[in-house]
Amino acid sequence: MASMWDSAVQKRSSELHQDTWQVIFDDSIIINSIAPGWFQYISGSFARFTCSLCRRSWGSARAQVVFLFHLNSSSGQGTIKVRRFKQKCKNCTDAQMEDPFFSEDNIDVLVERLVKKIRMRCYREDLAEMNRSSIFDGRMNGPHESSHCEACQQGVCSQATS
């Protein structure tokens, strides 16, 4: 799974001025609590979740991801920290928050948007706003349930603010 994210970043490495970027997953990221020299970017996409108790699977078009990124320009080393927000099964009483599974295509779209933000923030490029939509690859069964969404509980999900 981490290799798909690394691979997506490496595919776009030519856009990152030949600097080396590493991807680190960090579930301890706190929204809007950013160290100096770091930047935050929040994006969402379609993802699938599977309950570890009952094995029920569901899709969500509101799977949120927070990226923190920093470039050490003297060493040419960049770091991208990723927090993927979880959801829990609505059928299980003792359900735990489950990690999302993003398709390779949706990871590519998320990374494309992220790389654009990196180019604007770290390399000070002036890029026109253009977004590629996430790729829907599943069936939706009903409304988004904020009480089962970690991103909603932390005020990150667009559903919580709309």
C-alpha atoms as a PDB file:
ATOM      1  CA  MET A   1       0.000   0.000   0.000  1.00  0.00           C
ATOM      2  CA  ALA A   2       2.751   2.489   0.901  1.00  0.00           C
ATOM      3  CA  SER A   3       4.538   1.473  -2.273  1.00  0.00           C
ATOM      4  CA  MET A   4       1.577   2.675  -4.384  1.00  0.00           C
ATOM      5  CA  TRP A   5       1.889   6.140  -2.807  1.00  0.00           C
ATOM      6  CA  ASP A   6       5.691   6.168  -3.230  1.00  0.00           C
ATOM      7  CA  SER A   7       5.311   5.024  -6.822  1.00  0.00           C
ATOM      8  CA  ALA A   8       2.763   7.778  -7.581  1.00  0.00           C
ATOM      9  CA  VAL A   9       5.154  10.418  -6.174  1.00  0.00           C
ATOM     10  CA  GLN A  10       8.099   8.967  -8.111  1.00  0.00           C
ATOM     11  CA  LYS A  11       6.090   9.089 -11.369  1.00  0.00           C
ATOM     12  CA  ARG A  12       5.845  12.843 -10.885  1.00  0.00           C
ATOM     13  CA  SER A  13       9.430  13.367  -9.690  1.00  0.00           C
ATOM     14  CA  SER A  14      10.376  15.308 -12.822  1.00  0.00           C
ATOM     15  CA  GLU A  15       7.895  17.985 -11.703  1.00  0.00           C
ATOM     16  CA  LEU A  16       9.696  18.233  -8.351  1.00  0.00           C
ATOM     17  CA  HIS A  17      12.944  19.739  -9.642  1.00  0.00           C
ATOM     18  CA  GLN A  18      14.810  16.424  -9.312  1.00  0.00           C
ATOM     19  CA  ASP A  19      14.636  16.591  -5.504  1.00  0.00           C
ATOM     20  CA  THR A  20      14.054  13.319  -3.646  1.00  0.00           C
ATOM     21  CA  TRP A  21      10.753  13.011  -1.807  1.00  0.00           C
ATOM     22  CA  GLN A  22       9.827  10.318   0.709  1.00  0.00           C
ATOM     23  CA  VAL A  23       6.317   9.385   1.854  1.00  0.00           C
ATOM     24  CA  ILE A  24       5.686   8.640   5.542  1.00  0.00           C
ATOM     25  CA  PHE A  25       2.315   7.589   6.970  1.00  0.00           C
ATOM     26  CA  ASP A  26       1.592   9.332  10.276  1.00  0.00           C
ATOM     27  CA  ASP A  27      -1.736   8.840  12.069  1.00  0.00           C
ATOM     28  CA  SER A  28      -0.647  11.321  14.760  1.00  0.00           C
ATOM     29  CA  ILE A  29      -0.912  14.359  12.454  1.00  0.00           C
ATOM     30  CA  ILE A  30      -3.045  17.044  14.066  1.00  0.00           C
ATOM     31  CA  ILE A  31      -4.880  19.314  11.666  1.00  0.00           C
ATOM     32  CA  ASN A  32      -3.665  22.926  11.591  1.00  0.00           C
ATOM     33  CA  SER A  33      -0.804  22.110  13.957  1.00  0.00           C
ATOM     34  CA  ILE A  34       2.083  22.552  11.574  1.00  0.00           C
ATOM     35  CA  ALA A  35       5.774  22.943  12.365  1.00  0.00           C
ATOM     36  CA  PRO A  36       7.572  25.950  10.848  1.00  0.00           C
ATOM     37  CA  GLY A  37       8.666  25.299   7.259  1.00  0.00           C
ATOM     38  CA  TRP A  38       5.958  22.684   6.717  1.00  0.00           C
ATOM     39  CA  PHE A  39       2.811  23.066   4.631  1.00  0.00           C
ATOM     40  CA  GLN A  40      -0.589  21.369   4.983  1.00  0.00           C
ATOM     41  CA  TYR A  41      -2.878  20.199   2.201  1.00  0.00           C
ATOM     42  CA  ILE A  42      -6.208  18.409   2.669  1.00  0.00           C
ATOM     43  CA  SER A  43      -7.880  16.497  -0.131  1.00  0.00           C
ATOM     44  CA  GLY A  44     -10.485  13.799  -0.540  1.00  0.00           C
ATOM     45  CA  SER A  45     -11.286  10.977  -2.878  1.00  0.00           C
ATOM     46  CA  PHE A  46     -13.297   7.807  -3.224  1.00  0.00           C
ATOM     47  CA  ALA A  47     -12.045   4.893  -1.099  1.00  0.00           C
ATOM     48  CA  ARG A  48     -13.230   1.511   0.124  1.00  0.00           C
ATOM     49  CA  PHE A  49     -13.341   0.367   3.735  1.00  0.00           C
ATOM     50  CA  THR A  50     -13.688  -3.146   5.184  1.00  0.00           C
ATOM     51  CA  CYS A  51     -14.851  -3.889   8.725  1.00  0.00           C
ATOM     52  CA  SER A  52     -12.339  -6.070  10.546  1.00  0.00           C
ATOM     53  CA  LEU A  53     -15.179  -7.615  12.605  1.00  0.00           C
ATOM     54  CA  CYS A  54     -17.934  -8.533  10.131  1.00  0.00           C
ATOM     55  CA  ARG A  55     -15.937  -8.117   6.864  1.00  0.00           C
ATOM     56  CA  ARG A  56     -18.630  -5.776   5.490  1.00  0.00           C
ATOM     57  CA  SER A  57     -17.223  -3.487   2.817  1.00  0.00           C
ATOM     58  CA  TRP A  58     -18.426  -0.019   1.875  1.00  0.00           C
ATOM     59  CA  GLY A  59     -17.377   2.809  -0.363  1.00  0.00           C
ATOM     60  CA  SER A  60     -17.112   6.465   0.516  1.00  0.00           C
ATOM     61  CA  ALA A  61     -16.684   9.408  -1.792  1.00  0.00           C
ATOM     62  CA  ARG A  62     -15.639  11.419   1.278  1.00  0.00           C
ATOM     63  CA  ALA A  63     -12.433   9.661   2.286  1.00  0.00           C
ATOM     64  CA  GLN A  64     -10.190  12.485   3.489  1.00  0.00           C
ATOM     65  CA  VAL A  65      -6.391  12.668   3.432  1.00  0.00           C
ATOM     66  CA  VAL A  66      -4.163  15.251   5.108  1.00  0.00           C
ATOM     67  CA  PHE A  67      -0.701  15.825   3.706  1.00  0.00           C
ATOM     68  CA  LEU A  68       2.095  17.707   5.447  1.00  0.00           C
ATOM     69  CA  PHE A  69       5.108  18.459   3.292  1.00  0.00           C
ATOM     70  CA  HIS A  70       8.497  20.069   3.721  1.00  0.00           C
ATOM     71  CA  LEU A  71      11.512  20.554   1.456  1.00  0.00           C
ATOM     72  CA  ASN A  72      15.051  20.862   2.779  1.00  0.00           C
ATOM     73  CA  SER A  73      16.321  22.765  -0.241  1.00  0.00           C
ATOM     74  CA  SER A  74      19.978  22.552   0.786  1.00  0.00           C
ATOM     75  CA  SER A  75      19.920  18.737   0.725  1.00  0.00           C
ATOM     76  CA  GLY A  76      17.272  18.322  -1.983  1.00  0.00           C
ATOM     77  CA  GLN A  77      15.290  16.078   0.387  1.00  0.00           C
ATOM     78  CA  GLY A  78      11.544  16.427   0.693  1.00  0.00           C
ATOM     79  CA  THR A  79       9.236  14.731   3.162  1.00  0.00           C
ATOM     80  CA  ILE A  80       5.539  14.087   2.708  1.00  0.00           C
ATOM     81  CA  LYS A  81       3.604  12.952   5.781  1.00  0.00           C
ATOM     82  CA  VAL A  82       0.231  11.370   5.066  1.00  0.00           C
ATOM     83  CA  ARG A  83      -2.734  10.823   7.352  1.00  0.00           C
ATOM     84  CA  ARG A  84      -5.634   8.908   5.866  1.00  0.00           C
ATOM     85  CA  PHE A  85      -8.793   9.394   7.896  1.00  0.00           C
ATOM     86  CA  LYS A  86     -10.675   6.273   8.909  1.00  0.00           C
ATOM     87  CA  GLN A  87     -14.307   5.235   9.052  1.00  0.00           C
ATOM     88  CA  LYS A  88     -16.090   2.586  11.071  1.00  0.00           C
ATOM     89  CA  CYS A  89     -18.773   0.062  10.242  1.00  0.00           C
ATOM     90  CA  LYS A  90     -22.328   1.191  10.912  1.00  0.00           C
ATOM     91  CA  ASN A  91     -23.480  -2.398  11.589  1.00  0.00           C
ATOM     92  CA  CYS A  92     -21.058  -3.447  14.358  1.00  0.00           C
ATOM     93  CA  THR A  93     -21.549  -2.189  17.909  1.00  0.00           C
ATOM     94  CA  ASP A  94     -17.857  -2.453  18.797  1.00  0.00           C
ATOM     95  CA  ALA A  95     -16.597  -1.368  15.390  1.00  0.00           C
ATOM     96  CA  GLN A  96     -13.146   0.122  15.183  1.00  0.00           C
ATOM     97  CA  MET A  97     -11.996   2.817  12.808  1.00  0.00           C
ATOM     98  CA  GLU A  98     -10.796   1.162   9.584  1.00  0.00           C
ATOM     99  CA  ASP A  99      -8.131   2.371   7.154  1.00  0.00           C
ATOM    100  CA  PRO A 100      -9.301   3.387   3.684  1.00  0.00           C
ATOM    101  CA  PHE A 101      -8.166   1.582   0.559  1.00  0.00           C
ATOM    102  CA  PHE A 102      -7.642   3.934  -2.383  1.00  0.00           C
ATOM    103  CA  SER A 103      -7.393   2.568  -5.905  1.00  0.00           C
ATOM    104  CA  GLU A 104      -4.167   3.241  -7.769  1.00  0.00           C
ATOM    105  CA  ASP A 105      -6.020   5.689 -10.031  1.00  0.00           C
ATOM    106  CA  ASN A 106      -7.361   7.657  -7.062  1.00  0.00           C
ATOM    107  CA  ILE A 107      -3.916   7.717  -5.432  1.00  0.00           C
ATOM    108  CA  ASP A 108      -2.572   9.129  -8.707  1.00  0.00           C
ATOM    109  CA  VAL A 109      -5.208  11.887  -8.654  1.00  0.00           C
ATOM    110  CA  LEU A 110      -4.488  12.729  -4.992  1.00  0.00           C
ATOM    111  CA  VAL A 111      -0.739  12.823  -5.645  1.00  0.00           C
ATOM    112  CA  GLU A 112      -1.237  14.939  -8.782  1.00  0.00           C
ATOM    113  CA  ARG A 113      -3.082  17.538  -6.680  1.00  0.00           C
ATOM    114  CA  LEU A 114      -0.458  17.296  -3.929  1.00  0.00           C
ATOM    115  CA  VAL A 115       2.445  17.759  -6.349  1.00  0.00           C
ATOM    116  CA  LYS A 116       0.763  20.885  -7.665  1.00  0.00           C
ATOM    117  CA  LYS A 117       0.606  22.258  -4.093  1.00  0.00           C
ATOM    118  CA  ILE A 118       4.258  21.304  -3.506  1.00  0.00           C
ATOM    119  CA  ARG A 119       5.283  23.092  -6.695  1.00  0.00           C
ATOM    120  CA  MET A 120       3.369  26.207  -5.636  1.00  0.00           C
ATOM    121  CA  ARG A 121       4.598  26.232  -2.013  1.00  0.00           C
ATOM    122  CA  CYS A 122       8.120  24.797  -2.132  1.00  0.00           C
ATOM    123  CA  TYR A 123       9.207  25.930  -5.593  1.00  0.00           C
ATOM    124  CA  ARG A 124       7.058  29.079  -5.758  1.00  0.00           C
ATOM    125  CA  GLU A 125       5.649  28.182  -9.160  1.00  0.00           C
ATOM    126  CA  ASP A 126       2.591  30.085 -10.326  1.00  0.00           C
ATOM    127  CA  LEU A 127       0.205  27.383 -11.508  1.00  0.00           C
ATOM    128  CA  ALA A 128      -3.302  28.002 -12.796  1.00  0.00           C
ATOM    129  CA  GLU A 129      -6.042  26.274 -10.840  1.00  0.00           C
ATOM    130  CA  MET A 130      -7.127  23.077 -12.498  1.00  0.00           C
ATOM    131  CA  ASN A 131      -8.268  19.952 -10.739  1.00  0.00           C
ATOM    132  CA  ARG A 132      -8.755  16.425 -11.925  1.00  0.00           C
ATOM    133  CA  SER A 133     -11.694  14.727 -10.287  1.00  0.00           C
ATOM    134  CA  SER A 134     -11.287  11.569  -8.294  1.00  0.00           C
ATOM    135  CA  ILE A 135     -12.218   8.417 -10.126  1.00  0.00           C
ATOM    136  CA  PHE A 136     -15.321   6.716  -8.823  1.00  0.00           C
ATOM    137  CA  ASP A 137     -14.914   2.959  -8.746  1.00  0.00           C
ATOM    138  CA  GLY A 138     -17.751   1.600  -6.708  1.00  0.00           C
ATOM    139  CA  ARG A 139     -21.385   1.666  -5.756  1.00  0.00           C
ATOM    140  CA  MET A 140     -22.655   4.104  -3.148  1.00  0.00           C
ATOM    141  CA  ASN A 141     -25.184   2.890  -0.613  1.00  0.00           C
ATOM    142  CA  GLY A 142     -26.849   5.834   1.048  1.00  0.00           C
ATOM    143  CA  PRO A 143     -25.732   9.028   2.741  1.00  0.00           C
ATOM    144  CA  HIS A 144     -22.430   9.813   4.419  1.00  0.00           C
ATOM    145  CA  GLU A 145     -22.652   8.989   8.127  1.00  0.00           C
ATOM    146  CA  SER A 146     -20.737  11.616  10.081  1.00  0.00           C
ATOM    147  CA  SER A 147     -20.894   9.653  13.348  1.00  0.00           C
ATOM    148  CA  HIS A 148     -18.800   6.894  11.711  1.00  0.00           C
ATOM    149  CA  CYS A 149     -16.289   9.234  10.042  1.00  0.00           C
ATOM    150  CA  GLU A 150     -13.056  10.184  11.818  1.00  0.00           C
ATOM    151  CA  ALA A 151     -12.607  13.198   9.501  1.00  0.00           C
ATOM    152  CA  CYS A 152     -16.076  14.526  10.437  1.00  0.00           C
ATOM    153  CA  GLN A 153     -15.314  14.067  14.132  1.00  0.00           C
ATOM    154  CA  GLN A 154     -12.170  16.171  13.707  1.00  0.00           C
ATOM    155  CA  GLY A 155     -13.782  18.836  11.518  1.00  0.00           C
ATOM    156  CA  VAL A 156     -11.854  17.856   8.388  1.00  0.00           C
ATOM    157  CA  CYS A 157     -14.595  16.268   6.297  1.00  0.00           C
ATOM    158  CA  SER A 158     -16.416  18.521   3.853  1.00  0.00           C
ATOM    159  CA  GLN A 159     -19.660  16.817   4.940  1.00  0.00           C
ATOM    160  CA  ALA A 160     -19.205  18.211   8.463  1.00  0.00           C
ATOM    161  CA  THR A 161     -18.937  21.780   7.164  1.00  0.00           C
ATOM    162  CA  SER A 162     -21.594  21.710   4.464  1.00  0.00           C
END
